[in-house]
Amino acid sequence: MSKQVALNTYLLKSYSGNELFSVYKVEYVSSRKIRTRFGSKLVSLTKVGAGQSYAVSNSVGKDTTNLTKEQVKKWVWSDVRKNNEFTMADYYFEQFQKDGLLYIDVRENHDSKNMKAAGAAPSVSPRAALYRINENGQLEKYKITVDGDEWNVVSDDYSE
């Protein structure tokens, strides 16, 4: 059972049989994310499917505005690898800052063994995707639409 107690804040009650098992205060962050506390630990839960299932983030409390270059590469790779037959070595991850944000230009590495086997032209390295970490520490992916350019959040929490 749930009850709204404030804007974007709910109390969730769980039961074991007819007995109240526990009560959780949950903050609705987005359509894909909720946040709650287990004891003194703040935990983010991210939707993993079309239903109401949520998964605990791999990086509870990870400051996504203060990552190493390698951590940024792994975080971006966690999105690039979806539906992808290539490996991380088949891409370049060029990082640069602009307007206070970190951008990651992902380009195909046509000199890699896998790209050569796929018939990629070695004299070019086309852009596979463009990402950035926004001011809220979220990973966004660039997309061109008929209505113009847009950035879509692809990850709220750091993951590898």
N, C-alpha and C. Protein backbone atom coordinates (compact mmCIF):
# COMPACT_ATOMS: atom_id res chain seq x y z
N MET A 1 0.84 -1.17 0.00
CA MET A 1 0.00 0.00 0.00
C MET A 1 0.88 1.23 0.00
N SER A 2 0.39 2.32 -0.60
CA SER A 2 1.15 3.56 -0.60
C SER A 2 0.23 4.73 -0.31
N LYS A 3 0.84 5.80 0.20
CA LYS A 3 0.09 7.01 0.50
C LYS A 3 1.00 8.19 0.23
N GLN A 4 0.49 9.18 -0.54
CA GLN A 4 1.27 10.36 -0.80
C GLN A 4 1.25 11.25 0.43
N VAL A 5 2.46 11.66 0.90
CA VAL A 5 2.56 12.50 2.09
C VAL A 5 3.08 13.90 1.79
N ALA A 6 3.64 14.08 0.60
CA ALA A 6 4.13 15.39 0.15
C ALA A 6 4.35 15.29 -1.35
N LEU A 7 4.66 16.42 -1.96
CA LEU A 7 4.93 16.42 -3.39
C LEU A 7 6.09 15.47 -3.69
N ASN A 8 5.87 14.46 -4.54
CA ASN A 8 6.87 13.47 -4.94
C ASN A 8 7.38 12.61 -3.78
N THR A 9 6.66 12.54 -2.68
CA THR A 9 7.07 11.73 -1.53
C THR A 9 5.91 10.85 -1.10
N TYR A 10 6.22 9.57 -0.89
CA TYR A 10 5.18 8.59 -0.56
C TYR A 10 5.65 7.72 0.59
N LEU A 11 4.69 7.20 1.35
CA LEU A 11 4.96 6.16 2.34
C LEU A 11 4.51 4.84 1.72
N LEU A 12 5.39 3.87 1.69
CA LEU A 12 5.07 2.54 1.19
C LEU A 12 5.03 1.59 2.37
N LYS A 13 3.95 0.85 2.49
CA LYS A 13 3.81 -0.11 3.57
C LYS A 13 3.86 -1.51 2.97
N SER A 14 4.69 -2.35 3.55
CA SER A 14 4.75 -3.74 3.10
C SER A 14 4.22 -4.64 4.21
N TYR A 15 3.55 -5.69 3.80
CA TYR A 15 2.91 -6.60 4.75
C TYR A 15 3.42 -8.01 4.56
N SER A 16 3.44 -8.75 5.64
CA SER A 16 3.71 -10.19 5.63
C SER A 16 2.43 -10.84 6.14
N GLY A 17 1.67 -11.39 5.19
CA GLY A 17 0.35 -11.88 5.56
C GLY A 17 -0.52 -10.68 5.89
N ASN A 18 -1.14 -10.68 7.08
CA ASN A 18 -1.96 -9.56 7.51
C ASN A 18 -1.20 -8.58 8.40
N GLU A 19 0.07 -8.90 8.71
CA GLU A 19 0.85 -8.06 9.62
C GLU A 19 1.72 -7.07 8.87
N LEU A 20 1.75 -5.82 9.39
CA LEU A 20 2.60 -4.79 8.82
C LEU A 20 4.05 -5.22 9.00
N PHE A 21 4.80 -5.27 7.89
CA PHE A 21 6.20 -5.70 7.93
C PHE A 21 7.13 -4.50 8.06
N SER A 22 6.91 -3.48 7.20
CA SER A 22 7.79 -2.33 7.22
C SER A 22 7.13 -1.15 6.51
N VAL A 23 7.63 0.06 6.82
CA VAL A 23 7.16 1.28 6.17
C VAL A 23 8.39 2.01 5.63
N TYR A 24 8.30 2.43 4.36
CA TYR A 24 9.41 3.14 3.72
C TYR A 24 8.92 4.48 3.21
N LYS A 25 9.74 5.51 3.40
CA LYS A 25 9.47 6.82 2.81
C LYS A 25 10.24 6.83 1.49
N VAL A 26 9.52 7.06 0.38
CA VAL A 26 10.11 6.97 -0.96
C VAL A 26 9.93 8.30 -1.68
N GLU A 27 11.02 8.76 -2.30
CA GLU A 27 10.98 9.99 -3.10
C GLU A 27 10.92 9.61 -4.58
N TYR A 28 9.91 10.10 -5.28
CA TYR A 28 9.78 9.91 -6.72
C TYR A 28 10.71 10.91 -7.40
N VAL A 29 11.74 10.41 -8.10
CA VAL A 29 12.72 11.28 -8.75
C VAL A 29 12.36 11.50 -10.21
N SER A 30 12.03 10.42 -10.91
CA SER A 30 11.64 10.48 -12.32
C SER A 30 10.83 9.24 -12.64
N SER A 31 10.36 9.14 -13.88
CA SER A 31 9.58 7.97 -14.26
C SER A 31 10.42 6.71 -14.23
N ARG A 32 11.75 6.86 -14.14
CA ARG A 32 12.65 5.71 -14.11
C ARG A 32 13.36 5.53 -12.78
N LYS A 33 13.14 6.44 -11.82
CA LYS A 33 13.97 6.38 -10.62
C LYS A 33 13.21 6.81 -9.38
N ILE A 34 13.42 6.05 -8.29
CA ILE A 34 12.93 6.43 -6.97
C ILE A 34 14.11 6.34 -6.01
N ARG A 35 13.97 7.02 -4.86
CA ARG A 35 15.04 7.03 -3.86
C ARG A 35 14.42 6.78 -2.50
N THR A 36 15.11 5.99 -1.66
CA THR A 36 14.65 5.72 -0.30
C THR A 36 15.87 5.50 0.59
N ARG A 37 15.62 5.36 1.86
CA ARG A 37 16.69 5.06 2.82
C ARG A 37 16.47 3.68 3.41
N PHE A 38 17.55 2.93 3.51
CA PHE A 38 17.57 1.67 4.24
C PHE A 38 18.51 1.91 5.41
N GLY A 39 17.95 2.13 6.57
CA GLY A 39 18.76 2.55 7.72
C GLY A 39 19.26 3.95 7.44
N SER A 40 20.56 4.15 7.51
CA SER A 40 21.14 5.47 7.24
C SER A 40 21.63 5.61 5.81
N LYS A 41 21.49 4.55 5.00
CA LYS A 41 22.02 4.55 3.64
C LYS A 41 20.95 4.97 2.63
N LEU A 42 21.26 6.03 1.83
CA LEU A 42 20.38 6.48 0.77
C LEU A 42 20.58 5.56 -0.43
N VAL A 43 19.49 5.00 -0.95
CA VAL A 43 19.56 4.05 -2.05
C VAL A 43 18.67 4.53 -3.19
N SER A 44 19.22 4.51 -4.41
CA SER A 44 18.45 4.83 -5.61
C SER A 44 18.04 3.53 -6.27
N LEU A 45 16.80 3.48 -6.73
CA LEU A 45 16.29 2.32 -7.43
C LEU A 45 15.88 2.77 -8.83
N THR A 46 16.36 2.05 -9.84
CA THR A 46 16.11 2.43 -11.22
C THR A 46 15.28 1.37 -11.91
N LYS A 47 14.27 1.81 -12.65
CA LYS A 47 13.38 0.90 -13.36
C LYS A 47 14.18 0.08 -14.37
N VAL A 48 13.94 -1.23 -14.41
CA VAL A 48 14.67 -2.09 -15.32
C VAL A 48 13.79 -2.67 -16.42
N GLY A 49 12.49 -2.54 -16.31
CA GLY A 49 11.61 -3.11 -17.32
C GLY A 49 10.39 -2.25 -17.55
N ALA A 50 9.48 -2.76 -18.33
CA ALA A 50 8.28 -2.01 -18.68
C ALA A 50 7.30 -1.90 -17.51
N GLY A 51 7.35 -2.82 -16.57
CA GLY A 51 6.45 -2.80 -15.43
C GLY A 51 6.95 -1.88 -14.34
N GLN A 52 6.66 -2.19 -13.09
CA GLN A 52 7.07 -1.37 -11.97
C GLN A 52 8.27 -1.93 -11.22
N SER A 53 9.04 -2.79 -11.85
CA SER A 53 10.21 -3.38 -11.20
C SER A 53 11.36 -2.38 -11.17
N TYR A 54 12.06 -2.35 -10.06
CA TYR A 54 13.21 -1.45 -9.91
C TYR A 54 14.42 -2.26 -9.47
N ALA A 55 15.60 -1.78 -9.84
CA ALA A 55 16.84 -2.43 -9.44
C ALA A 55 17.67 -1.44 -8.64
N VAL A 56 18.39 -1.93 -7.65
CA VAL A 56 19.26 -1.07 -6.86
C VAL A 56 20.45 -0.67 -7.72
N SER A 57 20.77 0.58 -7.71
CA SER A 57 21.89 1.09 -8.48
C SER A 57 23.19 0.44 -8.02
N ASN A 58 24.11 0.22 -8.98
CA ASN A 58 25.42 -0.34 -8.67
C ASN A 58 26.31 0.66 -7.94
N SER A 59 25.92 1.90 -7.95
CA SER A 59 26.83 2.93 -7.46
C SER A 59 26.16 3.87 -6.47
N VAL A 60 25.50 3.31 -5.51
CA VAL A 60 24.80 4.13 -4.53
C VAL A 60 25.78 5.16 -3.96
N GLY A 61 25.42 6.42 -4.08
CA GLY A 61 26.25 7.47 -3.54
C GLY A 61 27.43 7.87 -4.40
N LYS A 62 27.62 7.31 -5.61
CA LYS A 62 28.74 7.66 -6.48
C LYS A 62 28.56 9.06 -7.01
N ASP A 63 29.55 9.90 -6.84
CA ASP A 63 29.49 11.27 -7.32
C ASP A 63 29.81 11.28 -8.81
N THR A 64 28.78 11.37 -9.65
CA THR A 64 28.98 11.29 -11.10
C THR A 64 29.51 12.59 -11.69
N THR A 65 29.72 13.59 -10.88
CA THR A 65 30.33 14.82 -11.36
C THR A 65 31.83 14.83 -11.07
N ASN A 66 32.35 13.73 -10.51
CA ASN A 66 33.77 13.65 -10.16
C ASN A 66 34.30 12.26 -10.49
N LEU A 67 34.26 11.88 -11.76
CA LEU A 67 34.72 10.58 -12.20
C LEU A 67 36.07 10.69 -12.89
N THR A 68 36.83 9.60 -12.87
CA THR A 68 38.09 9.58 -13.62
C THR A 68 37.78 9.41 -15.10
N LYS A 69 38.76 9.64 -15.93
CA LYS A 69 38.59 9.47 -17.38
C LYS A 69 38.18 8.03 -17.70
N GLU A 70 38.78 7.07 -17.03
CA GLU A 70 38.46 5.65 -17.25
C GLU A 70 37.04 5.32 -16.79
N GLN A 71 36.61 5.90 -15.66
CA GLN A 71 35.24 5.66 -15.19
C GLN A 71 34.22 6.24 -16.17
N VAL A 72 34.51 7.42 -16.72
CA VAL A 72 33.61 8.02 -17.72
C VAL A 72 33.51 7.09 -18.93
N LYS A 73 34.65 6.59 -19.39
CA LYS A 73 34.68 5.68 -20.54
C LYS A 73 33.82 4.44 -20.27
N LYS A 74 33.96 3.85 -19.09
CA LYS A 74 33.19 2.64 -18.74
C LYS A 74 31.70 2.95 -18.63
N TRP A 75 31.36 4.13 -18.10
CA TRP A 75 29.95 4.50 -17.97
C TRP A 75 29.32 4.67 -19.35
N VAL A 76 30.02 5.37 -20.24
CA VAL A 76 29.52 5.55 -21.60
C VAL A 76 29.42 4.19 -22.30
N TRP A 77 30.44 3.36 -22.11
CA TRP A 77 30.43 2.03 -22.73
C TRP A 77 29.22 1.21 -22.28
N SER A 78 28.76 1.39 -21.04
CA SER A 78 27.60 0.64 -20.55
C SER A 78 26.36 0.93 -21.39
N ASP A 79 26.30 2.09 -22.04
CA ASP A 79 25.19 2.39 -22.95
C ASP A 79 25.52 1.98 -24.39
N VAL A 80 26.74 2.24 -24.83
CA VAL A 80 27.14 1.93 -26.21
C VAL A 80 27.01 0.43 -26.48
N ARG A 81 27.37 -0.39 -25.51
CA ARG A 81 27.41 -1.84 -25.74
C ARG A 81 26.03 -2.48 -25.92
N LYS A 82 24.96 -1.76 -25.57
CA LYS A 82 23.62 -2.31 -25.74
C LYS A 82 23.39 -2.60 -27.22
N ASN A 83 22.97 -3.80 -27.53
CA ASN A 83 22.70 -4.21 -28.92
C ASN A 83 23.90 -3.95 -29.82
N ASN A 84 25.09 -4.27 -29.33
CA ASN A 84 26.31 -4.00 -30.07
C ASN A 84 27.17 -5.25 -30.10
N GLU A 85 27.65 -5.61 -31.26
CA GLU A 85 28.47 -6.81 -31.41
C GLU A 85 29.96 -6.56 -31.22
N PHE A 86 30.34 -5.29 -31.12
CA PHE A 86 31.74 -4.94 -31.00
C PHE A 86 32.16 -4.81 -29.53
N THR A 87 33.46 -4.64 -29.31
CA THR A 87 34.01 -4.50 -27.96
C THR A 87 34.42 -3.04 -27.72
N MET A 88 34.77 -2.74 -26.49
CA MET A 88 35.21 -1.39 -26.14
C MET A 88 36.44 -0.99 -26.96
N ALA A 89 37.31 -1.94 -27.27
CA ALA A 89 38.52 -1.66 -28.04
C ALA A 89 38.21 -1.25 -29.48
N ASP A 90 36.99 -1.46 -29.91
CA ASP A 90 36.59 -1.11 -31.28
C ASP A 90 36.11 0.34 -31.39
N TYR A 91 36.30 1.11 -30.31
CA TYR A 91 35.86 2.51 -30.28
C TYR A 91 36.91 3.38 -29.62
N TYR A 92 36.90 4.65 -30.00
CA TYR A 92 37.66 5.69 -29.31
C TYR A 92 36.66 6.48 -28.47
N PHE A 93 37.07 6.91 -27.29
CA PHE A 93 36.23 7.71 -26.40
C PHE A 93 36.96 9.02 -26.13
N GLU A 94 36.69 10.03 -26.96
CA GLU A 94 37.37 11.31 -26.87
C GLU A 94 36.57 12.22 -25.93
N GLN A 95 37.21 12.69 -24.86
CA GLN A 95 36.54 13.51 -23.86
C GLN A 95 37.00 14.96 -23.98
N PHE A 96 36.03 15.88 -23.86
CA PHE A 96 36.36 17.31 -23.86
C PHE A 96 35.32 18.06 -23.05
N GLN A 97 35.71 19.24 -22.55
CA GLN A 97 34.79 20.07 -21.78
C GLN A 97 34.33 21.26 -22.60
N LYS A 98 33.04 21.58 -22.41
CA LYS A 98 32.46 22.73 -23.09
C LYS A 98 31.34 23.25 -22.20
N ASP A 99 31.33 24.55 -21.95
CA ASP A 99 30.29 25.19 -21.13
C ASP A 99 30.14 24.53 -19.76
N GLY A 100 31.25 24.05 -19.20
CA GLY A 100 31.23 23.45 -17.87
C GLY A 100 30.74 22.01 -17.82
N LEU A 101 30.46 21.41 -18.98
CA LEU A 101 30.00 20.01 -19.04
C LEU A 101 31.07 19.15 -19.71
N LEU A 102 31.06 17.87 -19.37
CA LEU A 102 31.99 16.92 -19.98
C LEU A 102 31.28 16.21 -21.12
N TYR A 103 31.87 16.27 -22.32
CA TYR A 103 31.33 15.62 -23.51
C TYR A 103 32.22 14.43 -23.86
N ILE A 104 31.60 13.38 -24.40
CA ILE A 104 32.32 12.19 -24.79
C ILE A 104 31.92 11.85 -26.23
N ASP A 105 32.85 12.00 -27.14
CA ASP A 105 32.63 11.72 -28.56
C ASP A 105 33.10 10.27 -28.80
N VAL A 106 32.15 9.40 -29.11
CA VAL A 106 32.46 7.98 -29.32
C VAL A 106 32.61 7.76 -30.82
N ARG A 107 33.80 7.31 -31.22
CA ARG A 107 34.09 7.09 -32.64
C ARG A 107 34.54 5.65 -32.87
N GLU A 108 34.21 5.15 -34.05
CA GLU A 108 34.62 3.79 -34.40
C GLU A 108 36.11 3.75 -34.64
N ASN A 109 36.76 2.71 -34.14
CA ASN A 109 38.19 2.48 -34.34
C ASN A 109 38.34 1.48 -35.49
N HIS A 110 38.45 2.01 -36.70
CA HIS A 110 38.51 1.15 -37.87
C HIS A 110 39.83 0.40 -38.02
N ASP A 111 40.79 0.67 -37.13
CA ASP A 111 42.03 -0.08 -37.13
C ASP A 111 41.96 -1.32 -36.24
N SER A 112 40.86 -1.48 -35.51
CA SER A 112 40.73 -2.65 -34.64
C SER A 112 40.46 -3.91 -35.48
N LYS A 113 40.82 -5.04 -34.93
CA LYS A 113 40.65 -6.33 -35.61
C LYS A 113 39.19 -6.58 -35.99
N ASN A 114 38.29 -6.32 -35.06
CA ASN A 114 36.86 -6.57 -35.31
C ASN A 114 36.29 -5.65 -36.38
N MET A 115 36.68 -4.38 -36.36
CA MET A 115 36.19 -3.44 -37.36
C MET A 115 36.74 -3.79 -38.75
N LYS A 116 38.02 -4.19 -38.81
CA LYS A 116 38.60 -4.60 -40.09
C LYS A 116 37.87 -5.82 -40.63
N ALA A 117 37.56 -6.78 -39.74
CA ALA A 117 36.85 -7.98 -40.16
C ALA A 117 35.44 -7.66 -40.67
N ALA A 118 34.86 -6.57 -40.15
CA ALA A 118 33.52 -6.15 -40.58
C ALA A 118 33.57 -5.32 -41.86
N GLY A 119 34.78 -5.06 -42.38
CA GLY A 119 34.93 -4.32 -43.63
C GLY A 119 34.97 -2.82 -43.47
N ALA A 120 35.27 -2.32 -42.28
CA ALA A 120 35.32 -0.88 -42.04
C ALA A 120 36.50 -0.26 -42.78
N ALA A 121 36.29 0.91 -43.34
CA ALA A 121 37.34 1.62 -44.06
C ALA A 121 38.36 2.17 -43.07
N PRO A 122 39.64 1.80 -43.19
CA PRO A 122 40.64 2.21 -42.19
C PRO A 122 40.98 3.70 -42.19
N SER A 123 40.63 4.43 -43.23
CA SER A 123 41.02 5.85 -43.31
C SER A 123 40.04 6.79 -42.60
N VAL A 124 38.96 6.25 -42.02
CA VAL A 124 37.98 7.11 -41.34
C VAL A 124 37.66 6.55 -39.96
N SER A 125 37.12 7.41 -39.11
CA SER A 125 36.65 6.97 -37.79
C SER A 125 35.34 7.71 -37.50
N PRO A 126 34.25 7.23 -38.09
CA PRO A 126 32.97 7.94 -37.94
C PRO A 126 32.45 7.95 -36.52
N ARG A 127 31.67 8.99 -36.22
CA ARG A 127 31.07 9.11 -34.91
C ARG A 127 30.01 8.03 -34.74
N ALA A 128 30.09 7.30 -33.63
CA ALA A 128 29.08 6.30 -33.29
C ALA A 128 28.00 6.93 -32.41
N ALA A 129 28.42 7.86 -31.55
CA ALA A 129 27.48 8.53 -30.64
C ALA A 129 28.18 9.70 -29.96
N LEU A 130 27.39 10.61 -29.41
CA LEU A 130 27.91 11.72 -28.64
C LEU A 130 27.16 11.75 -27.32
N TYR A 131 27.91 11.80 -26.22
CA TYR A 131 27.34 11.82 -24.87
C TYR A 131 27.85 13.04 -24.14
N ARG A 132 27.18 13.32 -23.02
CA ARG A 132 27.68 14.33 -22.09
C ARG A 132 27.17 13.98 -20.70
N ILE A 133 27.88 14.50 -19.70
CA ILE A 133 27.41 14.40 -18.32
C ILE A 133 26.87 15.78 -17.97
N ASN A 134 25.57 15.84 -17.69
CA ASN A 134 24.93 17.13 -17.46
C ASN A 134 25.23 17.66 -16.06
N GLU A 135 24.70 18.83 -15.75
CA GLU A 135 24.97 19.49 -14.46
C GLU A 135 24.39 18.72 -13.27
N ASN A 136 23.47 17.78 -13.52
CA ASN A 136 22.91 16.94 -12.46
C ASN A 136 23.66 15.63 -12.30
N GLY A 137 24.73 15.45 -13.07
CA GLY A 137 25.51 14.22 -12.99
C GLY A 137 24.87 13.05 -13.73
N GLN A 138 23.97 13.34 -14.66
CA GLN A 138 23.32 12.29 -15.46
C GLN A 138 24.04 12.15 -16.80
N LEU A 139 24.06 10.92 -17.32
CA LEU A 139 24.65 10.67 -18.63
C LEU A 139 23.57 10.88 -19.68
N GLU A 140 23.87 11.76 -20.64
CA GLU A 140 22.91 12.06 -21.70
C GLU A 140 23.50 11.68 -23.06
N LYS A 141 22.63 11.32 -23.99
CA LYS A 141 23.03 10.97 -25.36
C LYS A 141 22.38 11.96 -26.32
N TYR A 142 23.15 12.39 -27.28
CA TYR A 142 22.71 13.36 -28.28
C TYR A 142 21.91 12.67 -29.36
N LYS A 143 20.84 13.35 -29.80
CA LYS A 143 19.98 12.79 -30.84
C LYS A 143 19.49 13.94 -31.71
N ILE A 144 19.53 13.73 -33.03
CA ILE A 144 18.98 14.70 -33.97
C ILE A 144 17.58 14.24 -34.33
N THR A 145 16.60 15.14 -34.20
CA THR A 145 15.21 14.82 -34.53
C THR A 145 14.70 15.81 -35.56
N VAL A 146 13.53 15.56 -36.08
CA VAL A 146 12.93 16.50 -37.05
C VAL A 146 12.62 17.84 -36.40
N ASP A 147 12.44 17.84 -35.08
CA ASP A 147 12.16 19.07 -34.35
C ASP A 147 13.42 19.79 -33.89
N GLY A 148 14.57 19.18 -34.13
CA GLY A 148 15.83 19.79 -33.72
C GLY A 148 16.68 18.82 -32.91
N ASP A 149 17.76 19.34 -32.38
CA ASP A 149 18.67 18.53 -31.58
C ASP A 149 18.13 18.37 -30.17
N GLU A 150 18.40 17.22 -29.55
CA GLU A 150 17.99 17.03 -28.16
C GLU A 150 18.96 16.10 -27.45
N TRP A 151 19.01 16.26 -26.15
CA TRP A 151 19.80 15.40 -25.27
C TRP A 151 18.83 14.59 -24.43
N ASN A 152 19.00 13.27 -24.42
CA ASN A 152 18.14 12.38 -23.64
C ASN A 152 18.96 11.70 -22.55
N VAL A 153 18.45 11.69 -21.32
CA VAL A 153 19.11 11.01 -20.22
C VAL A 153 19.06 9.51 -20.47
N VAL A 154 20.22 8.86 -20.49
CA VAL A 154 20.29 7.41 -20.67
C VAL A 154 20.68 6.68 -19.39
N SER A 155 21.20 7.46 -18.41
CA SER A 155 21.58 6.86 -17.13
C SER A 155 21.60 7.93 -16.05
N ASP A 156 20.94 7.61 -14.94
CA ASP A 156 20.92 8.52 -13.79
C ASP A 156 22.05 8.22 -12.82
N ASP A 157 22.57 7.00 -12.86
CA ASP A 157 23.58 6.56 -11.92
C ASP A 157 24.75 5.93 -12.64
N TYR A 158 25.94 6.13 -12.11
CA TYR A 158 27.15 5.55 -12.67
C TYR A 158 27.07 4.02 -12.67
N SER A 159 27.41 3.42 -13.79
CA SER A 159 27.50 1.97 -13.88
C SER A 159 28.57 1.61 -14.88
N GLU A 160 29.06 0.38 -14.78
CA GLU A 160 30.10 -0.10 -15.71
C GLU A 160 29.56 -1.25 -16.52
